[in-house]
Amino acid sequence: MTLTEATVLGREALWTVLLVGGPALLVTLAVGTALSVIQAVTQVHEQTLSFLPKLVAVAIVLAIGAGWMASELVRFGTRSFSHAATVGQP
């Protein structure tokens, strides 16, 4: 494996992490921001009120996208192991 191949594999790893983790993080950000606005408007500053809606939203996103996320991870793992099998070969 050359330096270029290792760099491409590292870039693909970062892209896969972004694709798989991004939807859950974006939903958490959106729900957290909406709840913060609601808490600021109503002046109810209870920390436990923001935890459960975020947890439910992330669970829904993971339930909907679990198949796609798993296929992306399997695809990346297959490519990584196929590249690893060629290490040391001329």
PDB file of N, CA and C in Angstrom:
ATOM      1  N   MET A   1       0.867  -1.179   0.000  1.00  0.00           N
ATOM      2  CA  MET A   1       0.000   0.000   0.000  1.00  0.00           C
ATOM      3  C   MET A   1       0.903   1.227   0.000  1.00  0.00           C
ATOM      4  N   THR A   2       0.686   2.069  -0.951  1.00  0.00           N
ATOM      5  CA  THR A   2       1.485   3.283  -1.059  1.00  0.00           C
ATOM      6  C   THR A   2       0.893   4.377  -0.172  1.00  0.00           C
ATOM      7  N   LEU A   3       1.630   5.461  -0.082  1.00  0.00           N
ATOM      8  CA  LEU A   3       1.176   6.592   0.713  1.00  0.00           C
ATOM      9  C   LEU A   3      -0.115   7.178   0.138  1.00  0.00           C
ATOM     10  N   THR A   4      -0.224   7.200  -1.171  1.00  0.00           N
ATOM     11  CA  THR A   4      -1.432   7.724  -1.816  1.00  0.00           C
ATOM     12  C   THR A   4      -2.644   6.867  -1.491  1.00  0.00           C
ATOM     13  N   GLU A   5      -2.479   5.549  -1.548  1.00  0.00           N
ATOM     14  CA  GLU A   5      -3.592   4.659  -1.213  1.00  0.00           C
ATOM     15  C   GLU A   5      -4.001   4.806   0.242  1.00  0.00           C
ATOM     16  N   ALA A   6      -3.021   4.966   1.139  1.00  0.00           N
ATOM     17  CA  ALA A   6      -3.324   5.150   2.558  1.00  0.00           C
ATOM     18  C   ALA A   6      -4.058   6.466   2.782  1.00  0.00           C
ATOM     19  N   THR A   7      -3.668   7.497   2.062  1.00  0.00           N
ATOM     20  CA  THR A   7      -4.342   8.788   2.180  1.00  0.00           C
ATOM     21  C   THR A   7      -5.779   8.703   1.683  1.00  0.00           C
ATOM     22  N   VAL A   8      -5.984   8.012   0.576  1.00  0.00           N
ATOM     23  CA  VAL A   8      -7.332   7.840   0.036  1.00  0.00           C
ATOM     24  C   VAL A   8      -8.191   7.042   1.018  1.00  0.00           C
ATOM     25  N   LEU A   9      -7.609   5.998   1.611  1.00  0.00           N
ATOM     26  CA  LEU A   9      -8.348   5.192   2.579  1.00  0.00           C
ATOM     27  C   LEU A   9      -8.708   6.012   3.819  1.00  0.00           C
ATOM     28  N   GLY A  10      -7.796   6.852   4.285  1.00  0.00           N
ATOM     29  CA  GLY A  10      -8.081   7.727   5.424  1.00  0.00           C
ATOM     30  C   GLY A  10      -9.174   8.735   5.111  1.00  0.00           C
ATOM     31  N   ARG A  11      -9.131   9.284   3.894  1.00  0.00           N
ATOM     32  CA  ARG A  11     -10.170  10.228   3.475  1.00  0.00           C
ATOM     33  C   ARG A  11     -11.529   9.539   3.397  1.00  0.00           C
ATOM     34  N   GLU A  12     -11.554   8.321   2.863  1.00  0.00           N
ATOM     35  CA  GLU A  12     -12.799   7.568   2.793  1.00  0.00           C
ATOM     36  C   GLU A  12     -13.325   7.233   4.180  1.00  0.00           C
ATOM     37  N   ALA A  13     -12.419   6.969   5.117  1.00  0.00           N
ATOM     38  CA  ALA A  13     -12.836   6.686   6.494  1.00  0.00           C
ATOM     39  C   ALA A  13     -13.505   7.909   7.113  1.00  0.00           C
ATOM     40  N   LEU A  14     -12.901   9.071   6.926  1.00  0.00           N
ATOM     41  CA  LEU A  14     -13.496  10.292   7.468  1.00  0.00           C
ATOM     42  C   LEU A  14     -14.835  10.606   6.809  1.00  0.00           C
ATOM     43  N   TRP A  15     -14.930  10.384   5.511  1.00  0.00           N
ATOM     44  CA  TRP A  15     -16.185  10.628   4.791  1.00  0.00           C
ATOM     45  C   TRP A  15     -17.275   9.670   5.273  1.00  0.00           C
ATOM     46  N   THR A  16     -16.914   8.417   5.515  1.00  0.00           N
ATOM     47  CA  THR A  16     -17.884   7.431   6.003  1.00  0.00           C
ATOM     48  C   THR A  16     -18.370   7.795   7.400  1.00  0.00           C
ATOM     49  N   VAL A  17     -17.474   8.246   8.248  1.00  0.00           N
ATOM     50  CA  VAL A  17     -17.874   8.677   9.593  1.00  0.00           C
ATOM     51  C   VAL A  17     -18.832   9.856   9.509  1.00  0.00           C
ATOM     52  N   LEU A  18     -18.546  10.780   8.613  1.00  0.00           N
ATOM     53  CA  LEU A  18     -19.417  11.939   8.433  1.00  0.00           C
ATOM     54  C   LEU A  18     -20.786  11.528   7.910  1.00  0.00           C
ATOM     55  N   LEU A  19     -20.816  10.625   6.950  1.00  0.00           N
ATOM     56  CA  LEU A  19     -22.094  10.170   6.394  1.00  0.00           C
ATOM     57  C   LEU A  19     -22.923   9.401   7.410  1.00  0.00           C
ATOM     58  N   VAL A  20     -22.289   8.543   8.183  1.00  0.00           N
ATOM     59  CA  VAL A  20     -23.026   7.699   9.122  1.00  0.00           C
ATOM     60  C   VAL A  20     -23.436   8.473  10.372  1.00  0.00           C
ATOM     61  N   GLY A  21     -22.563   9.316  10.873  1.00  0.00           N
ATOM     62  CA  GLY A  21     -22.868  10.042  12.102  1.00  0.00           C
ATOM     63  C   GLY A  21     -23.577  11.360  11.904  1.00  0.00           C
ATOM     64  N   GLY A  22     -23.502  11.903  10.705  1.00  0.00           N
ATOM     65  CA  GLY A  22     -24.056  13.220  10.421  1.00  0.00           C
ATOM     66  C   GLY A  22     -25.549  13.372  10.657  1.00  0.00           C
ATOM     67  N   PRO A  23     -26.375  12.461  10.152  1.00  0.00           N
ATOM     68  CA  PRO A  23     -27.814  12.636  10.343  1.00  0.00           C
ATOM     69  C   PRO A  23     -28.235  12.692  11.811  1.00  0.00           C
ATOM     70  N   ALA A  24     -27.684  11.826  12.630  1.00  0.00           N
ATOM     71  CA  ALA A  24     -28.041  11.831  14.051  1.00  0.00           C
ATOM     72  C   ALA A  24     -27.570  13.123  14.722  1.00  0.00           C
ATOM     73  N   LEU A  25     -26.387  13.595  14.359  1.00  0.00           N
ATOM     74  CA  LEU A  25     -25.885  14.838  14.943  1.00  0.00           C
ATOM     75  C   LEU A  25     -26.695  16.047  14.508  1.00  0.00           C
ATOM     76  N   LEU A  26     -27.089  16.068  13.239  1.00  0.00           N
ATOM     77  CA  LEU A  26     -27.891  17.196  12.759  1.00  0.00           C
ATOM     78  C   LEU A  26     -29.276  17.228  13.412  1.00  0.00           C
ATOM     79  N   VAL A  27     -29.885  16.065  13.587  1.00  0.00           N
ATOM     80  CA  VAL A  27     -31.189  16.019  14.260  1.00  0.00           C
ATOM     81  C   VAL A  27     -31.049  16.446  15.713  1.00  0.00           C
ATOM     82  N   THR A  28     -29.994  16.007  16.379  1.00  0.00           N
ATOM     83  CA  THR A  28     -29.766  16.431  17.759  1.00  0.00           C
ATOM     84  C   THR A  28     -29.567  17.937  17.846  1.00  0.00           C
ATOM     85  N   LEU A  29     -28.831  18.497  16.895  1.00  0.00           N
ATOM     86  CA  LEU A  29     -28.618  19.943  16.865  1.00  0.00           C
ATOM     87  C   LEU A  29     -29.925  20.691  16.667  1.00  0.00           C
ATOM     88  N   ALA A  30     -30.748  20.227  15.728  1.00  0.00           N
ATOM     89  CA  ALA A  30     -32.012  20.898  15.449  1.00  0.00           C
ATOM     90  C   ALA A  30     -32.974  20.810  16.639  1.00  0.00           C
ATOM     91  N   VAL A  31     -33.091  19.630  17.219  1.00  0.00           N
ATOM     92  CA  VAL A  31     -33.994  19.465  18.367  1.00  0.00           C
ATOM     93  C   VAL A  31     -33.488  20.263  19.562  1.00  0.00           C
ATOM     94  N   GLY A  32     -32.201  20.239  19.793  1.00  0.00           N
ATOM     95  CA  GLY A  32     -31.634  21.006  20.908  1.00  0.00           C
ATOM     96  C   GLY A  32     -31.836  22.497  20.754  1.00  0.00           C
ATOM     97  N   THR A  33     -31.661  23.002  19.534  1.00  0.00           N
ATOM     98  CA  THR A  33     -31.871  24.427  19.287  1.00  0.00           C
ATOM     99  C   THR A  33     -33.336  24.806  19.477  1.00  0.00           C
ATOM    100  N   ALA A  34     -34.233  23.976  18.946  1.00  0.00           N
ATOM    101  CA  ALA A  34     -35.663  24.263  19.110  1.00  0.00           C
ATOM    102  C   ALA A  34     -36.061  24.235  20.586  1.00  0.00           C
ATOM    103  N   LEU A  35     -35.557  23.275  21.317  1.00  0.00           N
ATOM    104  CA  LEU A  35     -35.890  23.203  22.747  1.00  0.00           C
ATOM    105  C   LEU A  35     -35.293  24.370  23.524  1.00  0.00           C
ATOM    106  N   SER A  36     -34.110  24.807  23.141  1.00  0.00           N
ATOM    107  CA  SER A  36     -33.502  25.959  23.811  1.00  0.00           C
ATOM    108  C   SER A  36     -34.317  27.225  23.585  1.00  0.00           C
ATOM    109  N   VAL A  37     -34.817  27.392  22.357  1.00  0.00           N
ATOM    110  CA  VAL A  37     -35.663  28.551  22.072  1.00  0.00           C
ATOM    111  C   VAL A  37     -36.951  28.480  22.892  1.00  0.00           C
ATOM    112  N   ILE A  38     -37.554  27.310  22.939  1.00  0.00           N
ATOM    113  CA  ILE A  38     -38.787  27.141  23.727  1.00  0.00           C
ATOM    114  C   ILE A  38     -38.521  27.408  25.199  1.00  0.00           C
ATOM    115  N   GLN A  39     -37.408  26.922  25.725  1.00  0.00           N
ATOM    116  CA  GLN A  39     -37.081  27.163  27.130  1.00  0.00           C
ATOM    117  C   GLN A  39     -36.792  28.640  27.392  1.00  0.00           C
ATOM    118  N   ALA A  40     -36.178  29.314  26.446  1.00  0.00           N
ATOM    119  CA  ALA A  40     -35.902  30.739  26.627  1.00  0.00           C
ATOM    120  C   ALA A  40     -37.185  31.555  26.595  1.00  0.00           C
ATOM    121  N   VAL A  41     -38.111  31.168  25.718  1.00  0.00           N
ATOM    122  CA  VAL A  41     -39.367  31.911  25.613  1.00  0.00           C
ATOM    123  C   VAL A  41     -40.226  31.691  26.849  1.00  0.00           C
ATOM    124  N   THR A  42     -40.280  30.456  27.326  1.00  0.00           N
ATOM    125  CA  THR A  42     -41.133  30.149  28.484  1.00  0.00           C
ATOM    126  C   THR A  42     -40.411  30.354  29.807  1.00  0.00           C
ATOM    127  N   GLN A  43     -39.145  30.630  29.770  1.00  0.00           N
ATOM    128  CA  GLN A  43     -38.310  30.833  30.953  1.00  0.00           C
ATOM    129  C   GLN A  43     -38.321  29.625  31.873  1.00  0.00           C
ATOM    130  N   VAL A  44     -38.437  28.449  31.301  1.00  0.00           N
ATOM    131  CA  VAL A  44     -38.313  27.202  32.047  1.00  0.00           C
ATOM    132  C   VAL A  44     -36.934  26.642  31.722  1.00  0.00           C
ATOM    133  N   HIS A  45     -36.045  26.667  32.680  1.00  0.00           N
ATOM    134  CA  HIS A  45     -34.665  26.247  32.442  1.00  0.00           C
ATOM    135  C   HIS A  45     -34.381  24.954  33.183  1.00  0.00           C
ATOM    136  N   GLU A  46     -35.032  23.918  32.767  1.00  0.00           N
ATOM    137  CA  GLU A  46     -34.833  22.597  33.365  1.00  0.00           C
ATOM    138  C   GLU A  46     -33.999  21.755  32.396  1.00  0.00           C
ATOM    139  N   GLN A  47     -32.859  21.271  32.831  1.00  0.00           N
ATOM    140  CA  GLN A  47     -31.947  20.535  31.963  1.00  0.00           C
ATOM    141  C   GLN A  47     -32.506  19.189  31.533  1.00  0.00           C
ATOM    142  N   THR A  48     -33.309  18.582  32.388  1.00  0.00           N
ATOM    143  CA  THR A  48     -33.821  17.254  32.056  1.00  0.00           C
ATOM    144  C   THR A  48     -34.884  17.298  30.968  1.00  0.00           C
ATOM    145  N   LEU A  49     -35.509  18.454  30.742  1.00  0.00           N
ATOM    146  CA  LEU A  49     -36.535  18.556  29.704  1.00  0.00           C
ATOM    147  C   LEU A  49     -35.958  18.438  28.299  1.00  0.00           C
ATOM    148  N   SER A  50     -34.706  18.762  28.116  1.00  0.00           N
ATOM    149  CA  SER A  50     -34.121  18.718  26.772  1.00  0.00           C
ATOM    150  C   SER A  50     -33.524  17.351  26.443  1.00  0.00           C
ATOM    151  N   PHE A  51     -33.316  16.519  27.434  1.00  0.00           N
ATOM    152  CA  PHE A  51     -32.657  15.234  27.177  1.00  0.00           C
ATOM    153  C   PHE A  51     -33.573  14.241  26.484  1.00  0.00           C
ATOM    154  N   LEU A  52     -34.770  14.062  26.969  1.00  0.00           N
ATOM    155  CA  LEU A  52     -35.668  13.040  26.433  1.00  0.00           C
ATOM    156  C   LEU A  52     -36.071  13.293  24.977  1.00  0.00           C
ATOM    157  N   PRO A  53     -36.450  14.504  24.590  1.00  0.00           N
ATOM    158  CA  PRO A  53     -36.777  14.716  23.169  1.00  0.00           C
ATOM    159  C   PRO A  53     -35.597  14.452  22.231  1.00  0.00           C
ATOM    160  N   LYS A  54     -34.380  14.816  22.653  1.00  0.00           N
ATOM    161  CA  LYS A  54     -33.207  14.535  21.830  1.00  0.00           C
ATOM    162  C   LYS A  54     -32.984  13.031  21.714  1.00  0.00           C
ATOM    163  N   LEU A  55     -33.149  12.332  22.797  1.00  0.00           N
ATOM    164  CA  LEU A  55     -32.979  10.882  22.793  1.00  0.00           C
ATOM    165  C   LEU A  55     -33.985  10.213  21.874  1.00  0.00           C
ATOM    166  N   VAL A  56     -35.231  10.644  21.938  1.00  0.00           N
ATOM    167  CA  VAL A  56     -36.271  10.074  21.081  1.00  0.00           C
ATOM    168  C   VAL A  56     -36.001  10.407  19.610  1.00  0.00           C
ATOM    169  N   ALA A  57     -35.593  11.627  19.330  1.00  0.00           N
ATOM    170  CA  ALA A  57     -35.319  12.026  17.945  1.00  0.00           C
ATOM    171  C   ALA A  57     -34.162  11.221  17.360  1.00  0.00           C
ATOM    172  N   VAL A  58     -33.112  11.023  18.119  1.00  0.00           N
ATOM    173  CA  VAL A  58     -31.973  10.248  17.629  1.00  0.00           C
ATOM    174  C   VAL A  58     -32.367   8.785  17.456  1.00  0.00           C
ATOM    175  N   ALA A  59     -33.172   8.256  18.358  1.00  0.00           N
ATOM    176  CA  ALA A  59     -33.627   6.869  18.226  1.00  0.00           C
ATOM    177  C   ALA A  59     -34.454   6.696  16.952  1.00  0.00           C
ATOM    178  N   ILE A  60     -35.282   7.666  16.629  1.00  0.00           N
ATOM    179  CA  ILE A  60     -36.085   7.593  15.407  1.00  0.00           C
ATOM    180  C   ILE A  60     -35.186   7.648  14.174  1.00  0.00           C
ATOM    181  N   VAL A  61     -34.210   8.552  14.182  1.00  0.00           N
ATOM    182  CA  VAL A  61     -33.292   8.654  13.044  1.00  0.00           C
ATOM    183  C   VAL A  61     -32.506   7.360  12.872  1.00  0.00           C
ATOM    184  N   LEU A  62     -32.040   6.783  13.971  1.00  0.00           N
ATOM    185  CA  LEU A  62     -31.288   5.538  13.883  1.00  0.00           C
ATOM    186  C   LEU A  62     -32.174   4.383  13.423  1.00  0.00           C
ATOM    187  N   ALA A  63     -33.422   4.363  13.857  1.00  0.00           N
ATOM    188  CA  ALA A  63     -34.335   3.305  13.428  1.00  0.00           C
ATOM    189  C   ALA A  63     -34.633   3.413  11.935  1.00  0.00           C
ATOM    190  N   ILE A  64     -34.789   4.636  11.451  1.00  0.00           N
ATOM    191  CA  ILE A  64     -35.083   4.832  10.024  1.00  0.00           C
ATOM    192  C   ILE A  64     -33.847   4.552   9.161  1.00  0.00           C
ATOM    193  N   GLY A  65     -32.702   5.023   9.590  1.00  0.00           N
ATOM    194  CA  GLY A  65     -31.508   4.930   8.747  1.00  0.00           C
ATOM    195  C   GLY A  65     -30.553   3.811   9.083  1.00  0.00           C
ATOM    196  N   ALA A  66     -30.933   2.890   9.946  1.00  0.00           N
ATOM    197  CA  ALA A  66     -30.004   1.847  10.381  1.00  0.00           C
ATOM    198  C   ALA A  66     -29.546   0.965   9.228  1.00  0.00           C
ATOM    199  N   GLY A  67     -30.448   0.611   8.340  1.00  0.00           N
ATOM    200  CA  GLY A  67     -30.070  -0.240   7.211  1.00  0.00           C
ATOM    201  C   GLY A  67     -29.071   0.431   6.293  1.00  0.00           C
ATOM    202  N   TRP A  68     -29.322   1.695   5.985  1.00  0.00           N
ATOM    203  CA  TRP A  68     -28.407   2.436   5.125  1.00  0.00           C
ATOM    204  C   TRP A  68     -27.055   2.634   5.810  1.00  0.00           C
ATOM    205  N   MET A  69     -27.078   2.963   7.105  1.00  0.00           N
ATOM    206  CA  MET A  69     -25.830   3.161   7.840  1.00  0.00           C
ATOM    207  C   MET A  69     -25.015   1.874   7.888  1.00  0.00           C
ATOM    208  N   ALA A  70     -25.684   0.763   8.125  1.00  0.00           N
ATOM    209  CA  ALA A  70     -24.983  -0.522   8.165  1.00  0.00           C
ATOM    210  C   ALA A  70     -24.391  -0.869   6.806  1.00  0.00           C
ATOM    211  N   SER A  71     -25.131  -0.600   5.735  1.00  0.00           N
ATOM    212  CA  SER A  71     -24.597  -0.915   4.404  1.00  0.00           C
ATOM    213  C   SER A  71     -23.388  -0.044   4.069  1.00  0.00           C
ATOM    214  N   GLU A  72     -23.405   1.221   4.487  1.00  0.00           N
ATOM    215  CA  GLU A  72     -22.243   2.086   4.273  1.00  0.00           C
ATOM    216  C   GLU A  72     -21.030   1.575   5.044  1.00  0.00           C
ATOM    217  N   LEU A  73     -21.235   1.165   6.283  1.00  0.00           N
ATOM    218  CA  LEU A  73     -20.123   0.659   7.084  1.00  0.00           C
ATOM    219  C   LEU A  73     -19.585  -0.657   6.532  1.00  0.00           C
ATOM    220  N   VAL A  74     -20.472  -1.528   6.071  1.00  0.00           N
ATOM    221  CA  VAL A  74     -20.028  -2.795   5.482  1.00  0.00           C
ATOM    222  C   VAL A  74     -19.274  -2.539   4.190  1.00  0.00           C
ATOM    223  N   ARG A  75     -19.759  -1.614   3.389  1.00  0.00           N
ATOM    224  CA  ARG A  75     -19.078  -1.278   2.134  1.00  0.00           C
ATOM    225  C   ARG A  75     -17.676  -0.737   2.401  1.00  0.00           C
ATOM    226  N   PHE A  76     -17.551   0.149   3.384  1.00  0.00           N
ATOM    227  CA  PHE A  76     -16.232   0.680   3.722  1.00  0.00           C
ATOM    228  C   PHE A  76     -15.332  -0.413   4.291  1.00  0.00           C
ATOM    229  N   GLY A  77     -15.882  -1.250   5.153  1.00  0.00           N
ATOM    230  CA  GLY A  77     -15.086  -2.332   5.729  1.00  0.00           C
ATOM    231  C   GLY A  77     -14.599  -3.310   4.672  1.00  0.00           C
ATOM    232  N   THR A  78     -15.449  -3.623   3.716  1.00  0.00           N
ATOM    233  CA  THR A  78     -15.056  -4.531   2.631  1.00  0.00           C
ATOM    234  C   THR A  78     -13.923  -3.937   1.816  1.00  0.00           C
ATOM    235  N   ARG A  79     -14.040  -2.656   1.482  1.00  0.00           N
ATOM    236  CA  ARG A  79     -12.965  -1.998   0.731  1.00  0.00           C
ATOM    237  C   ARG A  79     -11.677  -1.945   1.539  1.00  0.00           C
ATOM    238  N   SER A  80     -11.785  -1.657   2.833  1.00  0.00           N
ATOM    239  CA  SER A  80     -10.591  -1.558   3.674  1.00  0.00           C
ATOM    240  C   SER A  80      -9.877  -2.896   3.777  1.00  0.00           C
ATOM    241  N   PHE A  81     -10.648  -3.970   3.974  1.00  0.00           N
ATOM    242  CA  PHE A  81     -10.023  -5.279   4.095  1.00  0.00           C
ATOM    243  C   PHE A  81      -9.463  -5.768   2.763  1.00  0.00           C
ATOM    244  N   SER A  82     -10.081  -5.385   1.670  1.00  0.00           N
ATOM    245  CA  SER A  82      -9.517  -5.773   0.371  1.00  0.00           C
ATOM    246  C   SER A  82      -8.203  -5.041   0.120  1.00  0.00           C
ATOM    247  N   HIS A  83      -8.109  -3.791   0.563  1.00  0.00           N
ATOM    248  CA  HIS A  83      -6.835  -3.065   0.453  1.00  0.00           C
ATOM    249  C   HIS A  83      -5.807  -3.655   1.403  1.00  0.00           C
ATOM    250  N   ALA A  84      -6.240  -4.057   2.601  1.00  0.00           N
ATOM    251  CA  ALA A  84      -5.308  -4.620   3.567  1.00  0.00           C
ATOM    252  C   ALA A  84      -4.748  -5.961   3.084  1.00  0.00           C
ATOM    253  N   ALA A  85      -5.541  -6.683   2.298  1.00  0.00           N
ATOM    254  CA  ALA A  85      -5.080  -7.978   1.776  1.00  0.00           C
ATOM    255  C   ALA A  85      -3.956  -7.804   0.763  1.00  0.00           C
ATOM    256  N   THR A  86      -3.851  -6.639   0.153  1.00  0.00           N
ATOM    257  CA  THR A  86      -2.824  -6.409  -0.868  1.00  0.00           C
ATOM    258  C   THR A  86      -1.541  -5.814  -0.279  1.00  0.00           C
ATOM    259  N   VAL A  87      -1.487  -5.578   1.017  1.00  0.00           N
ATOM    260  CA  VAL A  87      -0.294  -5.010   1.629  1.00  0.00           C
ATOM    261  C   VAL A  87       0.850  -6.023   1.561  1.00  0.00           C
ATOM    262  N   GLY A  88       1.962  -5.587   1.092  1.00  0.00           N
ATOM    263  CA  GLY A  88       3.139  -6.455   1.006  1.00  0.00           C
ATOM    264  C   GLY A  88       3.234  -7.215  -0.300  1.00  0.00           C
ATOM    265  N   GLN A  89       2.244  -7.110  -1.152  1.00  0.00           N
ATOM    266  CA  GLN A  89       2.306  -7.772  -2.446  1.00  0.00           C
ATOM    267  C   GLN A  89       2.892  -6.806  -3.475  1.00  0.00           C
ATOM    268  N   PRO A  90       3.654  -7.324  -4.407  1.00  0.00           N
ATOM    269  CA  PRO A  90       4.262  -6.436  -5.408  1.00  0.00           C
ATOM    270  C   PRO A  90       3.274  -5.900  -6.395  1.00  0.00           C
TER     271      PRO A  90
END
